[in-house]
Amino acid sequence: MDFEIKNVKESIVSVARSLGYVIIDTKGNEYNLVRKLDINNYPRFHIYLKQNGTDFNFSLHLDQKKSSYEGSHAHSGEYFGPVVETEADKIKQILVGNNK
């Protein structure tokens, strides 16, 4: 699920912390964030986050399990549905509330 939040007044590091996510990788202006749902690595929410000035572009999905083959990025992921939509709504609510 892709969405944008405009005029974010916080850094990506601060945003990740306030949402309960950990930054696991960066590539240029794209950050790779995850939030585990329990003590195991999976399932987990996974965000690719790009910053364009003060606008943040989110690409959110739920990783159900680790990729099946080493070197592969394919996995059982949910990109839409009530669980992903609820997480997106939570993110929007937290960030919009923090930026008032």
C-alpha atoms as a PDB file:
ATOM      1  CA  MET A   1       0.000   0.000   0.000  1.00  0.00           C
ATOM      2  CA  ASP A   2       1.484   3.300  -1.094  1.00  0.00           C
ATOM      3  CA  PHE A   3       0.654   6.636   0.522  1.00  0.00           C
ATOM      4  CA  GLU A   4       2.191  10.049   1.117  1.00  0.00           C
ATOM      5  CA  ILE A   5       2.305  12.323   4.130  1.00  0.00           C
ATOM      6  CA  LYS A   6       3.182  15.930   3.388  1.00  0.00           C
ATOM      7  CA  ASN A   7       4.995  18.515   5.502  1.00  0.00           C
ATOM      8  CA  VAL A   8       6.551  16.145   8.031  1.00  0.00           C
ATOM      9  CA  LYS A   9       8.567  18.205  10.514  1.00  0.00           C
ATOM     10  CA  GLU A  10      10.611  15.283  11.862  1.00  0.00           C
ATOM     11  CA  SER A  11      13.657  13.402  10.590  1.00  0.00           C
ATOM     12  CA  ILE A  12      13.279   9.874   9.239  1.00  0.00           C
ATOM     13  CA  VAL A  13      15.053   8.531  12.334  1.00  0.00           C
ATOM     14  CA  SER A  14      12.566  10.327  14.583  1.00  0.00           C
ATOM     15  CA  VAL A  15       9.635   9.146  12.451  1.00  0.00           C
ATOM     16  CA  ALA A  16      10.826   5.532  12.627  1.00  0.00           C
ATOM     17  CA  ARG A  17      11.128   5.720  16.419  1.00  0.00           C
ATOM     18  CA  SER A  18       7.734   7.332  16.925  1.00  0.00           C
ATOM     19  CA  LEU A  19       6.120   4.601  14.804  1.00  0.00           C
ATOM     20  CA  GLY A  20       7.972   1.732  16.528  1.00  0.00           C
ATOM     21  CA  TYR A  21       9.991   0.841  13.419  1.00  0.00           C
ATOM     22  CA  VAL A  22      13.699   0.093  13.056  1.00  0.00           C
ATOM     23  CA  ILE A  23      15.769   1.271  10.076  1.00  0.00           C
ATOM     24  CA  ILE A  24      17.504  -1.806   8.671  1.00  0.00           C
ATOM     25  CA  ASP A  25      18.977  -0.389   5.448  1.00  0.00           C
ATOM     26  CA  THR A  26      19.289   2.743   3.339  1.00  0.00           C
ATOM     27  CA  LYS A  27      19.869   3.291  -0.373  1.00  0.00           C
ATOM     28  CA  GLY A  28      20.199   6.956  -1.275  1.00  0.00           C
ATOM     29  CA  ASN A  29      17.015   8.664  -0.133  1.00  0.00           C
ATOM     30  CA  GLU A  30      15.128   5.374   0.396  1.00  0.00           C
ATOM     31  CA  TYR A  31      14.978   3.861   3.873  1.00  0.00           C
ATOM     32  CA  ASN A  32      14.033   0.280   4.669  1.00  0.00           C
ATOM     33  CA  LEU A  33      12.084   0.021   7.957  1.00  0.00           C
ATOM     34  CA  VAL A  34      10.524  -2.915   9.797  1.00  0.00           C
ATOM     35  CA  ARG A  35       8.318  -3.455  12.833  1.00  0.00           C
ATOM     36  CA  LYS A  36       8.089  -6.977  14.207  1.00  0.00           C
ATOM     37  CA  LEU A  37       4.715  -8.148  15.482  1.00  0.00           C
ATOM     38  CA  ASP A  38       6.190 -10.465  18.130  1.00  0.00           C
ATOM     39  CA  ILE A  39       9.607 -11.760  19.265  1.00  0.00           C
ATOM     40  CA  ASN A  40      10.165 -13.611  15.978  1.00  0.00           C
ATOM     41  CA  ASN A  41      11.342 -11.853  12.816  1.00  0.00           C
ATOM     42  CA  TYR A  42       8.124 -12.720  10.978  1.00  0.00           C
ATOM     43  CA  PRO A  43       5.415 -11.655  10.514  1.00  0.00           C
ATOM     44  CA  ARG A  44       6.485  -8.016  10.372  1.00  0.00           C
ATOM     45  CA  PHE A  45       5.430  -4.756   8.808  1.00  0.00           C
ATOM     46  CA  HIS A  46       7.884  -3.532   6.198  1.00  0.00           C
ATOM     47  CA  ILE A  47       8.128   0.008   4.820  1.00  0.00           C
ATOM     48  CA  TYR A  48      10.176   1.467   2.008  1.00  0.00           C
ATOM     49  CA  LEU A  49      10.256   5.161   2.888  1.00  0.00           C
ATOM     50  CA  LYS A  50      11.433   7.924   0.563  1.00  0.00           C
ATOM     51  CA  GLN A  51      11.871  11.519   1.628  1.00  0.00           C
ATOM     52  CA  ASN A  52      11.296  14.348  -0.834  1.00  0.00           C
ATOM     53  CA  GLY A  53      11.921  17.530   1.120  1.00  0.00           C
ATOM     54  CA  THR A  54       9.330  17.477   3.888  1.00  0.00           C
ATOM     55  CA  ASP A  55       7.105  14.965   2.064  1.00  0.00           C
ATOM     56  CA  PHE A  56       7.406  11.275   2.945  1.00  0.00           C
ATOM     57  CA  ASN A  57       6.347   8.523   0.529  1.00  0.00           C
ATOM     58  CA  PHE A  58       5.510   5.202   2.156  1.00  0.00           C
ATOM     59  CA  SER A  59       5.333   1.788   0.525  1.00  0.00           C
ATOM     60  CA  LEU A  60       3.932  -0.511   3.235  1.00  0.00           C
ATOM     61  CA  HIS A  61       3.336  -4.246   3.284  1.00  0.00           C
ATOM     62  CA  LEU A  62       3.175  -7.138   5.747  1.00  0.00           C
ATOM     63  CA  ASP A  63       5.883  -9.800   5.392  1.00  0.00           C
ATOM     64  CA  GLN A  64       4.356 -13.115   6.458  1.00  0.00           C
ATOM     65  CA  LYS A  65       7.610 -15.088   6.220  1.00  0.00           C
ATOM     66  CA  LYS A  66      11.217 -14.907   5.092  1.00  0.00           C
ATOM     67  CA  SER A  67      11.917 -15.213   1.374  1.00  0.00           C
ATOM     68  CA  SER A  68      11.939 -18.839   0.261  1.00  0.00           C
ATOM     69  CA  TYR A  69      15.275 -18.874  -1.565  1.00  0.00           C
ATOM     70  CA  GLU A  70      18.556 -17.239  -0.600  1.00  0.00           C
ATOM     71  CA  GLY A  71      19.162 -14.131  -2.687  1.00  0.00           C
ATOM     72  CA  SER A  72      15.475 -13.933  -3.565  1.00  0.00           C
ATOM     73  CA  HIS A  73      13.256 -11.042  -2.534  1.00  0.00           C
ATOM     74  CA  ALA A  74      10.039 -12.987  -3.102  1.00  0.00           C
ATOM     75  CA  HIS A  75       8.063 -13.715   0.051  1.00  0.00           C
ATOM     76  CA  SER A  76       4.543 -14.111   1.284  1.00  0.00           C
ATOM     77  CA  GLY A  77       3.539 -10.490   1.620  1.00  0.00           C
ATOM     78  CA  GLU A  78       0.256  -8.680   2.011  1.00  0.00           C
ATOM     79  CA  TYR A  79       0.113  -5.329   0.243  1.00  0.00           C
ATOM     80  CA  PHE A  80      -3.591  -4.609   0.819  1.00  0.00           C
ATOM     81  CA  GLY A  81      -6.321  -5.677   3.205  1.00  0.00           C
ATOM     82  CA  PRO A  82      -7.589  -4.712   6.644  1.00  0.00           C
ATOM     83  CA  VAL A  83      -4.359  -5.398   8.562  1.00  0.00           C
ATOM     84  CA  VAL A  84      -2.234  -3.278   6.219  1.00  0.00           C
ATOM     85  CA  GLU A  85      -4.902  -0.559   6.014  1.00  0.00           C
ATOM     86  CA  THR A  86      -5.104  -0.373   9.825  1.00  0.00           C
ATOM     87  CA  GLU A  87      -1.318   0.013  10.067  1.00  0.00           C
ATOM     88  CA  ALA A  88      -1.344   2.739   7.387  1.00  0.00           C
ATOM     89  CA  ASP A  89      -4.111   4.580   9.245  1.00  0.00           C
ATOM     90  CA  LYS A  90      -2.116   4.345  12.481  1.00  0.00           C
ATOM     91  CA  ILE A  91       0.976   5.781  10.778  1.00  0.00           C
ATOM     92  CA  LYS A  92      -1.020   8.649   9.273  1.00  0.00           C
ATOM     93  CA  GLN A  93      -2.692   9.424  12.597  1.00  0.00           C
ATOM     94  CA  ILE A  94       0.618   9.500  14.497  1.00  0.00           C
ATOM     95  CA  LEU A  95       2.481  11.628  11.953  1.00  0.00           C
ATOM     96  CA  VAL A  96      -0.311  14.075  11.229  1.00  0.00           C
ATOM     97  CA  GLY A  97      -0.868  14.468  14.984  1.00  0.00           C
ATOM     98  CA  ASN A  98       2.850  15.115  15.545  1.00  0.00           C
ATOM     99  CA  ASN A  99       2.952  17.779  12.835  1.00  0.00           C
ATOM    100  CA  LYS A 100       0.153  20.042  14.057  1.00  0.00           C
END
